[in-house]
């Protein structure tokens, strides 16, 4: 990250240095291969779909560490006996990463028909969820003097 940018916000960002480091790491993300979609299902559920035609499930590794989702291929170089006239299907190694929020967790991973789907869920703590309160009528108490 540009040191001048951090210095600009340093007086107001006590403890936010990790945020700037995370933002800086996102700028080096390789987005060209393999193609992917990011889908927002609702307010707290997302999916990442990655097209992995020709890959097998054991050739892909999905991991999270320190709020970074990492998808890595484990492709071994093979000398093929085939002679290609056209090779349009690319099966090359890749590493893709996504920065997850502190409250986002991987809920499921599915690989079907060459499409890897990673479901993400934003965990909202109970004290931050919407709560609607009933308004209670006040009970008036009258003092009665006995004579």
Foldseek 3Di string as FASTA:
>chain_A
DPVVVCVVCVVPDVPCPVVVVQVVVVVPFDDVPPHWDWADPDDWKIKIKTQAPPDDPVQWDWDDDPQKTKIWGNDDDDDDPDDDPDDPDDHDIDIGIDGHDPQKDFDDWDADPRMIMTMIGRDDDPVRDDDDDDDDDDDDDDDDDDD
